[in-house]
Amino acid sequence: MSANTLRKGSPVSNGDFDPTKPIYLMSYPKIVLLYPTFIASIICGFIALFLEDAANPTQSTLALSFMAILGVNLVVLAFDFPRTTSLTLFFCIVAFVFGFILLMRQFPDLLPAVSSFFNSLKPHANSTFYFLFAGVLGIIYLCVFFTVRMDYWEIRSNELLHHHGFLSNLERYSAPNLRISKEIDDIFEYLLMRSGRLIIHPSSEPRAFVLDNVPFIDGKEARITKMLSALQVTVRQEGPPLPPSNPKS
């Protein structure tokens, strides 16, 4: 493909990628990883709404299920699982705990003290509790939605822009020779939101900018790489072609 095609901004042949279209990067706080609990609270709220009898044993099972989802989600939020082995270990521990609880319920005479403790766990929560929990998380998510749009990065074909502040302050950096690095520090973050860490190294800056928890990081990193590659081709072929050398002269 010629450099003129790239300079005019027409789409490249690889898919629908357009090197002139800006790429937006937003770093989200880790609380967005609680969305499984948010969804579970809404589902549990509707189920509890139809189970009007508080003495219904399903209410206790529903509350225990919600607490299990919340507990696992909080563990994901609190710790990093950088390797597949740590992820496997986590699932093994979770499977062991739930298997042990099920064993104590099925065979109460095996360990009577432990079985009696698990049998005494009969929490109850009405639909109001679940909906309030979902409402609080929903309000936090709305605040996060507006906050991240006050601090984000924009990558164009010739410059890197940093928008931040309530009045949208702007910082500009040169895009040529821009280097980026992608890191997947937490397997759970990647599984839940396809997110990871993106490190940006502008050529005109001695420091690097680190963006944590960038959603759909694979696609954005691929688009940035294509944009920088198209920019390098344009820069390298900007001048007129050199005349062929004459070996007889």
C-alpha atoms as a PDB file:
ATOM      1  CA  MET A   1       0.000   0.000   0.000  1.00  0.00           C
ATOM      2  CA  SER A   2       1.321   3.426  -0.922  1.00  0.00           C
ATOM      3  CA  ALA A   3       2.038   6.227   1.521  1.00  0.00           C
ATOM      4  CA  ASN A   4      -0.457   8.474  -0.308  1.00  0.00           C
ATOM      5  CA  THR A   5      -3.287   6.136   0.664  1.00  0.00           C
ATOM      6  CA  LEU A   6      -2.262   6.343   4.306  1.00  0.00           C
ATOM      7  CA  ARG A   7      -1.951  10.116   4.228  1.00  0.00           C
ATOM      8  CA  LYS A   8      -5.439  10.518   2.797  1.00  0.00           C
ATOM      9  CA  GLY A   9      -6.848   8.563   5.749  1.00  0.00           C
ATOM     10  CA  SER A  10      -8.582   5.799   3.775  1.00  0.00           C
ATOM     11  CA  PRO A  11      -9.051   2.504   5.636  1.00  0.00           C
ATOM     12  CA  VAL A  12      -6.287  -0.020   5.459  1.00  0.00           C
ATOM     13  CA  SER A  13      -6.913  -3.414   3.931  1.00  0.00           C
ATOM     14  CA  ASN A  14      -6.710  -5.269   7.279  1.00  0.00           C
ATOM     15  CA  GLY A  15     -10.368  -5.290   8.369  1.00  0.00           C
ATOM     16  CA  ASP A  16     -12.154  -1.989   8.938  1.00  0.00           C
ATOM     17  CA  PHE A  17      -9.251  -0.355  10.771  1.00  0.00           C
ATOM     18  CA  ASP A  18      -8.796   3.336  10.009  1.00  0.00           C
ATOM     19  CA  PRO A  19      -5.410   4.789  11.086  1.00  0.00           C
ATOM     20  CA  THR A  20      -6.919   8.292  11.292  1.00  0.00           C
ATOM     21  CA  LYS A  21      -9.593   7.274  13.805  1.00  0.00           C
ATOM     22  CA  PRO A  22      -8.539   8.131  17.408  1.00  0.00           C
ATOM     23  CA  ILE A  23      -8.227   5.424  20.063  1.00  0.00           C
ATOM     24  CA  TYR A  24      -9.530   6.188  23.555  1.00  0.00           C
ATOM     25  CA  LEU A  25      -7.970   4.611  26.648  1.00  0.00           C
ATOM     26  CA  MET A  26      -9.694   4.696  30.043  1.00  0.00           C
ATOM     27  CA  SER A  27      -8.401   3.285  33.308  1.00  0.00           C
ATOM     28  CA  TYR A  28     -11.170   1.924  35.546  1.00  0.00           C
ATOM     29  CA  PRO A  29     -11.014   1.333  39.320  1.00  0.00           C
ATOM     30  CA  LYS A  30     -11.183  -2.250  40.530  1.00  0.00           C
ATOM     31  CA  ILE A  31     -14.671  -1.861  41.945  1.00  0.00           C
ATOM     32  CA  VAL A  32     -16.077  -2.415  38.443  1.00  0.00           C
ATOM     33  CA  LEU A  33     -15.015  -6.049  38.873  1.00  0.00           C
ATOM     34  CA  LEU A  34     -17.905  -6.417  41.327  1.00  0.00           C
ATOM     35  CA  TYR A  35     -20.403  -6.524  38.474  1.00  0.00           C
ATOM     36  CA  PRO A  36     -21.062 -10.303  39.003  1.00  0.00           C
ATOM     37  CA  THR A  37     -22.256  -9.470  42.530  1.00  0.00           C
ATOM     38  CA  PHE A  38     -24.291  -6.571  41.139  1.00  0.00           C
ATOM     39  CA  ILE A  39     -26.045  -8.905  38.695  1.00  0.00           C
ATOM     40  CA  ALA A  40     -26.501 -11.567  41.392  1.00  0.00           C
ATOM     41  CA  SER A  41     -28.096  -9.048  43.768  1.00  0.00           C
ATOM     42  CA  ILE A  42     -30.676  -8.062  41.137  1.00  0.00           C
ATOM     43  CA  ILE A  43     -31.500 -11.715  40.379  1.00  0.00           C
ATOM     44  CA  CYS A  44     -31.719 -12.597  44.082  1.00  0.00           C
ATOM     45  CA  GLY A  45     -33.928  -9.565  44.657  1.00  0.00           C
ATOM     46  CA  PHE A  46     -36.495 -10.715  42.105  1.00  0.00           C
ATOM     47  CA  ILE A  47     -36.388 -14.285  43.427  1.00  0.00           C
ATOM     48  CA  ALA A  48     -36.880 -13.065  47.011  1.00  0.00           C
ATOM     49  CA  LEU A  49     -39.735 -10.870  45.811  1.00  0.00           C
ATOM     50  CA  PHE A  50     -41.678 -13.959  44.745  1.00  0.00           C
ATOM     51  CA  LEU A  51     -40.726 -15.872  47.915  1.00  0.00           C
ATOM     52  CA  GLU A  52     -42.888 -13.895  50.300  1.00  0.00           C
ATOM     53  CA  ASP A  53     -42.597 -16.406  53.141  1.00  0.00           C
ATOM     54  CA  ALA A  54     -39.478 -15.547  55.176  1.00  0.00           C
ATOM     55  CA  ALA A  55     -39.495 -19.036  56.714  1.00  0.00           C
ATOM     56  CA  ASN A  56     -39.135 -20.632  53.298  1.00  0.00           C
ATOM     57  CA  PRO A  57     -35.884 -22.675  53.271  1.00  0.00           C
ATOM     58  CA  THR A  58     -35.205 -21.345  49.780  1.00  0.00           C
ATOM     59  CA  GLN A  59     -34.645 -17.921  51.339  1.00  0.00           C
ATOM     60  CA  SER A  60     -31.737 -19.304  53.351  1.00  0.00           C
ATOM     61  CA  THR A  61     -30.243 -21.029  50.300  1.00  0.00           C
ATOM     62  CA  LEU A  62     -30.641 -17.834  48.307  1.00  0.00           C
ATOM     63  CA  ALA A  63     -28.855 -15.767  50.955  1.00  0.00           C
ATOM     64  CA  LEU A  64     -26.022 -18.293  51.249  1.00  0.00           C
ATOM     65  CA  SER A  65     -25.605 -18.338  47.467  1.00  0.00           C
ATOM     66  CA  PHE A  66     -25.442 -14.545  47.375  1.00  0.00           C
ATOM     67  CA  MET A  67     -22.860 -14.470  50.170  1.00  0.00           C
ATOM     68  CA  ALA A  68     -20.769 -17.089  48.349  1.00  0.00           C
ATOM     69  CA  ILE A  69     -20.768 -15.010  45.151  1.00  0.00           C
ATOM     70  CA  LEU A  70     -19.937 -11.865  47.112  1.00  0.00           C
ATOM     71  CA  GLY A  71     -17.112 -13.624  48.970  1.00  0.00           C
ATOM     72  CA  VAL A  72     -15.500 -14.976  45.808  1.00  0.00           C
ATOM     73  CA  ASN A  73     -15.863 -11.591  44.131  1.00  0.00           C
ATOM     74  CA  LEU A  74     -14.208  -9.831  47.076  1.00  0.00           C
ATOM     75  CA  VAL A  75     -11.288 -12.265  46.942  1.00  0.00           C
ATOM     76  CA  VAL A  76     -10.858 -11.402  43.259  1.00  0.00           C
ATOM     77  CA  LEU A  77     -10.927  -7.722  44.203  1.00  0.00           C
ATOM     78  CA  ALA A  78      -8.466  -8.052  47.079  1.00  0.00           C
ATOM     79  CA  PHE A  79      -5.758 -10.254  45.566  1.00  0.00           C
ATOM     80  CA  ASP A  80      -3.926 -10.541  42.276  1.00  0.00           C
ATOM     81  CA  PHE A  81      -3.661 -13.848  40.464  1.00  0.00           C
ATOM     82  CA  PRO A  82      -0.849 -13.248  37.965  1.00  0.00           C
ATOM     83  CA  ARG A  83      -0.331 -16.840  36.854  1.00  0.00           C
ATOM     84  CA  THR A  84      -2.516 -19.689  35.672  1.00  0.00           C
ATOM     85  CA  THR A  85      -1.211 -21.824  38.538  1.00  0.00           C
ATOM     86  CA  SER A  86      -2.560 -19.352  41.100  1.00  0.00           C
ATOM     87  CA  LEU A  87      -5.915 -19.395  39.316  1.00  0.00           C
ATOM     88  CA  THR A  88      -5.975 -23.198  39.443  1.00  0.00           C
ATOM     89  CA  LEU A  89      -5.070 -23.125  43.132  1.00  0.00           C
ATOM     90  CA  PHE A  90      -7.897 -20.676  43.833  1.00  0.00           C
ATOM     91  CA  PHE A  91     -10.494 -22.847  42.121  1.00  0.00           C
ATOM     92  CA  CYS A  92      -9.169 -25.915  43.940  1.00  0.00           C
ATOM     93  CA  ILE A  93      -9.588 -24.162  47.295  1.00  0.00           C
ATOM     94  CA  VAL A  94     -13.106 -23.003  46.411  1.00  0.00           C
ATOM     95  CA  ALA A  95     -14.058 -26.512  45.251  1.00  0.00           C
ATOM     96  CA  PHE A  96     -12.618 -27.999  48.459  1.00  0.00           C
ATOM     97  CA  VAL A  97     -14.550 -25.588  50.694  1.00  0.00           C
ATOM     98  CA  PHE A  98     -17.876 -26.149  48.932  1.00  0.00           C
ATOM     99  CA  GLY A  99     -17.259 -29.893  48.807  1.00  0.00           C
ATOM    100  CA  PHE A 100     -16.513 -29.940  52.527  1.00  0.00           C
ATOM    101  CA  ILE A 101     -19.714 -28.029  53.303  1.00  0.00           C
ATOM    102  CA  LEU A 102     -21.742 -30.423  51.157  1.00  0.00           C
ATOM    103  CA  LEU A 103     -20.101 -33.406  52.856  1.00  0.00           C
ATOM    104  CA  MET A 104     -20.996 -32.095  56.298  1.00  0.00           C
ATOM    105  CA  ARG A 105     -24.611 -31.591  55.232  1.00  0.00           C
ATOM    106  CA  GLN A 106     -24.911 -35.070  53.765  1.00  0.00           C
ATOM    107  CA  PHE A 107     -23.074 -36.857  56.597  1.00  0.00           C
ATOM    108  CA  PRO A 108     -23.768 -34.873  59.786  1.00  0.00           C
ATOM    109  CA  ASP A 109     -22.455 -37.666  62.035  1.00  0.00           C
ATOM    110  CA  LEU A 110     -18.980 -37.495  60.505  1.00  0.00           C
ATOM    111  CA  LEU A 111     -18.023 -34.342  62.419  1.00  0.00           C
ATOM    112  CA  PRO A 112     -21.012 -33.444  64.611  1.00  0.00           C
ATOM    113  CA  ALA A 113     -19.653 -30.118  65.841  1.00  0.00           C
ATOM    114  CA  VAL A 114     -18.831 -28.896  62.350  1.00  0.00           C
ATOM    115  CA  SER A 115     -22.111 -30.183  60.938  1.00  0.00           C
ATOM    116  CA  SER A 116     -24.086 -28.442  63.626  1.00  0.00           C
ATOM    117  CA  PHE A 117     -22.259 -25.179  62.870  1.00  0.00           C
ATOM    118  CA  PHE A 118     -23.107 -25.375  59.163  1.00  0.00           C
ATOM    119  CA  ASN A 119     -26.687 -26.378  59.904  1.00  0.00           C
ATOM    120  CA  SER A 120     -27.047 -23.324  62.124  1.00  0.00           C
ATOM    121  CA  LEU A 121     -26.155 -21.040  59.217  1.00  0.00           C
ATOM    122  CA  LYS A 122     -29.593 -19.969  58.038  1.00  0.00           C
ATOM    123  CA  PRO A 123     -29.328 -16.330  56.935  1.00  0.00           C
ATOM    124  CA  HIS A 124     -32.379 -14.496  55.639  1.00  0.00           C
ATOM    125  CA  ALA A 125     -32.594 -11.417  53.460  1.00  0.00           C
ATOM    126  CA  ASN A 126     -35.649  -9.897  51.830  1.00  0.00           C
ATOM    127  CA  SER A 127     -35.899  -8.360  48.391  1.00  0.00           C
ATOM    128  CA  THR A 128     -35.358  -4.872  49.825  1.00  0.00           C
ATOM    129  CA  PHE A 129     -31.862  -5.822  50.976  1.00  0.00           C
ATOM    130  CA  TYR A 130     -30.845  -7.168  47.553  1.00  0.00           C
ATOM    131  CA  PHE A 131     -32.290  -4.215  45.674  1.00  0.00           C
ATOM    132  CA  LEU A 132     -30.640  -1.740  48.063  1.00  0.00           C
ATOM    133  CA  PHE A 133     -27.312  -3.495  47.580  1.00  0.00           C
ATOM    134  CA  ALA A 134     -27.741  -3.319  43.795  1.00  0.00           C
ATOM    135  CA  GLY A 135     -28.818   0.329  44.059  1.00  0.00           C
ATOM    136  CA  VAL A 136     -25.710   1.334  46.021  1.00  0.00           C
ATOM    137  CA  LEU A 137     -23.441  -0.415  43.518  1.00  0.00           C
ATOM    138  CA  GLY A 138     -25.398   1.114  40.651  1.00  0.00           C
ATOM    139  CA  ILE A 139     -24.870   4.641  42.010  1.00  0.00           C
ATOM    140  CA  ILE A 140     -21.148   3.932  42.435  1.00  0.00           C
ATOM    141  CA  TYR A 141     -20.961   2.659  38.863  1.00  0.00           C
ATOM    142  CA  LEU A 142     -22.641   5.826  37.577  1.00  0.00           C
ATOM    143  CA  CYS A 143     -20.094   7.945  39.467  1.00  0.00           C
ATOM    144  CA  VAL A 144     -17.260   5.839  38.010  1.00  0.00           C
ATOM    145  CA  PHE A 145     -18.771   6.197  34.529  1.00  0.00           C
ATOM    146  CA  PHE A 146     -18.611  10.002  34.736  1.00  0.00           C
ATOM    147  CA  THR A 147     -15.282  10.127  36.602  1.00  0.00           C
ATOM    148  CA  VAL A 148     -13.294   8.117  34.057  1.00  0.00           C
ATOM    149  CA  ARG A 149     -14.496  10.480  31.348  1.00  0.00           C
ATOM    150  CA  MET A 150     -12.721  13.291  33.149  1.00  0.00           C
ATOM    151  CA  ASP A 151      -9.369  11.493  32.944  1.00  0.00           C
ATOM    152  CA  TYR A 152      -8.667   9.553  29.767  1.00  0.00           C
ATOM    153  CA  TRP A 153      -6.119   9.244  26.980  1.00  0.00           C
ATOM    154  CA  GLU A 154      -6.585   9.712  23.271  1.00  0.00           C
ATOM    155  CA  ILE A 155      -4.141   8.333  20.718  1.00  0.00           C
ATOM    156  CA  ARG A 156      -4.152   9.846  17.260  1.00  0.00           C
ATOM    157  CA  SER A 157      -1.991   9.158  14.241  1.00  0.00           C
ATOM    158  CA  ASN A 158       0.384  12.011  15.073  1.00  0.00           C
ATOM    159  CA  GLU A 159      -0.044  12.813  18.773  1.00  0.00           C
ATOM    160  CA  LEU A 160      -0.946  11.501  22.201  1.00  0.00           C
ATOM    161  CA  LEU A 161      -3.515  13.519  24.175  1.00  0.00           C
ATOM    162  CA  HIS A 162      -4.246  13.367  27.906  1.00  0.00           C
ATOM    163  CA  HIS A 163      -7.639  14.797  28.896  1.00  0.00           C
ATOM    164  CA  HIS A 164      -8.040  15.341  32.616  1.00  0.00           C
ATOM    165  CA  GLY A 165      -9.824  17.606  35.071  1.00  0.00           C
ATOM    166  CA  PHE A 166     -13.370  18.922  35.331  1.00  0.00           C
ATOM    167  CA  LEU A 167     -12.683  21.525  32.652  1.00  0.00           C
ATOM    168  CA  SER A 168     -10.918  18.970  30.452  1.00  0.00           C
ATOM    169  CA  ASN A 169      -7.314  20.102  30.747  1.00  0.00           C
ATOM    170  CA  LEU A 170      -5.225  18.857  27.857  1.00  0.00           C
ATOM    171  CA  GLU A 171      -1.625  17.655  27.568  1.00  0.00           C
ATOM    172  CA  ARG A 172      -0.076  16.812  24.201  1.00  0.00           C
ATOM    173  CA  TYR A 173       2.757  14.425  23.427  1.00  0.00           C
ATOM    174  CA  SER A 174       4.332  13.444  20.164  1.00  0.00           C
ATOM    175  CA  ALA A 175       3.089  10.120  18.747  1.00  0.00           C
ATOM    176  CA  PRO A 176       6.030   9.173  16.473  1.00  0.00           C
ATOM    177  CA  ASN A 177       8.350   6.634  18.137  1.00  0.00           C
ATOM    178  CA  LEU A 178       5.655   6.000  20.757  1.00  0.00           C
ATOM    179  CA  ARG A 179       6.210   2.692  22.552  1.00  0.00           C
ATOM    180  CA  ILE A 180       3.537   0.699  24.365  1.00  0.00           C
ATOM    181  CA  SER A 181       3.706  -2.327  26.650  1.00  0.00           C
ATOM    182  CA  LYS A 182       0.849  -4.626  27.634  1.00  0.00           C
ATOM    183  CA  GLU A 183       0.810  -6.578  30.899  1.00  0.00           C
ATOM    184  CA  ILE A 184      -1.770  -9.047  32.219  1.00  0.00           C
ATOM    185  CA  ASP A 185      -1.182  -8.869  35.980  1.00  0.00           C
ATOM    186  CA  ASP A 186      -4.418 -10.527  37.090  1.00  0.00           C
ATOM    187  CA  ILE A 187      -6.040 -13.482  35.367  1.00  0.00           C
ATOM    188  CA  PHE A 188      -9.422 -12.680  36.924  1.00  0.00           C
ATOM    189  CA  GLU A 189      -9.351  -9.087  35.665  1.00  0.00           C
ATOM    190  CA  TYR A 190      -8.665 -10.419  32.190  1.00  0.00           C
ATOM    191  CA  LEU A 191     -11.452 -13.012  32.428  1.00  0.00           C
ATOM    192  CA  LEU A 192     -14.046 -10.584  33.794  1.00  0.00           C
ATOM    193  CA  MET A 193     -13.375  -7.538  31.607  1.00  0.00           C
ATOM    194  CA  ARG A 194     -10.560  -8.527  29.235  1.00  0.00           C
ATOM    195  CA  SER A 195      -8.595  -5.851  31.051  1.00  0.00           C
ATOM    196  CA  GLY A 196      -4.925  -5.396  31.839  1.00  0.00           C
ATOM    197  CA  ARG A 197      -2.178  -2.828  32.290  1.00  0.00           C
ATOM    198  CA  LEU A 198      -1.034  -0.618  29.432  1.00  0.00           C
ATOM    199  CA  ILE A 199       2.273   1.259  29.720  1.00  0.00           C
ATOM    200  CA  ILE A 200       2.805   4.182  27.335  1.00  0.00           C
ATOM    201  CA  HIS A 201       6.318   5.500  26.615  1.00  0.00           C
ATOM    202  CA  PRO A 202       6.266   8.781  24.670  1.00  0.00           C
ATOM    203  CA  SER A 203       9.580   9.547  22.986  1.00  0.00           C
ATOM    204  CA  SER A 204       9.550  13.138  24.272  1.00  0.00           C
ATOM    205  CA  GLU A 205       8.984  12.163  27.931  1.00  0.00           C
ATOM    206  CA  PRO A 206      11.495  10.569  30.345  1.00  0.00           C
ATOM    207  CA  ARG A 207       8.668   8.951  32.314  1.00  0.00           C
ATOM    208  CA  ALA A 208       6.174   6.290  31.322  1.00  0.00           C
ATOM    209  CA  PHE A 209       2.429   6.525  31.852  1.00  0.00           C
ATOM    210  CA  VAL A 210       0.802   3.468  33.437  1.00  0.00           C
ATOM    211  CA  LEU A 211      -2.888   2.763  32.869  1.00  0.00           C
ATOM    212  CA  ASP A 212      -4.290   0.000  35.073  1.00  0.00           C
ATOM    213  CA  ASN A 213      -7.411  -2.023  34.361  1.00  0.00           C
ATOM    214  CA  VAL A 214      -7.942  -0.971  30.747  1.00  0.00           C
ATOM    215  CA  PRO A 215     -10.920  -2.973  29.393  1.00  0.00           C
ATOM    216  CA  PHE A 216     -10.593  -4.989  26.158  1.00  0.00           C
ATOM    217  CA  ILE A 217      -6.866  -4.410  26.202  1.00  0.00           C
ATOM    218  CA  ASP A 218      -6.046  -6.904  23.442  1.00  0.00           C
ATOM    219  CA  GLY A 219      -8.119  -5.128  20.804  1.00  0.00           C
ATOM    220  CA  LYS A 220      -6.901  -1.681  21.803  1.00  0.00           C
ATOM    221  CA  GLU A 221      -3.266  -2.777  21.858  1.00  0.00           C
ATOM    222  CA  ALA A 222      -3.693  -4.281  18.370  1.00  0.00           C
ATOM    223  CA  ARG A 223      -5.279  -1.067  17.054  1.00  0.00           C
ATOM    224  CA  ILE A 224      -2.491   1.071  18.534  1.00  0.00           C
ATOM    225  CA  THR A 225       0.137  -1.193  16.968  1.00  0.00           C
ATOM    226  CA  LYS A 226      -1.549  -0.911  13.553  1.00  0.00           C
ATOM    227  CA  MET A 227      -1.797   2.861  13.888  1.00  0.00           C
ATOM    228  CA  LEU A 228       1.878   3.227  14.810  1.00  0.00           C
ATOM    229  CA  SER A 229       2.882   0.886  11.980  1.00  0.00           C
ATOM    230  CA  ALA A 230       0.887   2.942   9.483  1.00  0.00           C
ATOM    231  CA  LEU A 231       2.498   6.108  10.833  1.00  0.00           C
ATOM    232  CA  GLN A 232       5.993   4.649  10.428  1.00  0.00           C
ATOM    233  CA  VAL A 233       5.259   3.692   6.815  1.00  0.00           C
ATOM    234  CA  THR A 234       4.018   7.200   6.096  1.00  0.00           C
ATOM    235  CA  VAL A 235       7.090   8.826   7.633  1.00  0.00           C
ATOM    236  CA  ARG A 236       9.563   6.555   5.914  1.00  0.00           C
ATOM    237  CA  GLN A 237       8.062   7.091   2.437  1.00  0.00           C
ATOM    238  CA  GLU A 238       7.429  10.798   2.774  1.00  0.00           C
ATOM    239  CA  GLY A 239      10.346  11.956   0.587  1.00  0.00           C
ATOM    240  CA  PRO A 240      10.764  11.408  -3.167  1.00  0.00           C
ATOM    241  CA  PRO A 241      12.337   8.107  -4.252  1.00  0.00           C
ATOM    242  CA  LEU A 242      16.094   8.146  -4.698  1.00  0.00           C
ATOM    243  CA  PRO A 243      17.414   7.795  -8.288  1.00  0.00           C
ATOM    244  CA  PRO A 244      18.943   4.423  -9.138  1.00  0.00           C
ATOM    245  CA  SER A 245      22.674   4.270  -8.704  1.00  0.00           C
ATOM    246  CA  ASN A 246      24.839   3.991 -11.856  1.00  0.00           C
ATOM    247  CA  PRO A 247      27.543   1.371 -11.326  1.00  0.00           C
ATOM    248  CA  LYS A 248      29.467   2.555 -14.443  1.00  0.00           C
ATOM    249  CA  SER A 249      30.047   6.062 -13.095  1.00  0.00           C
END
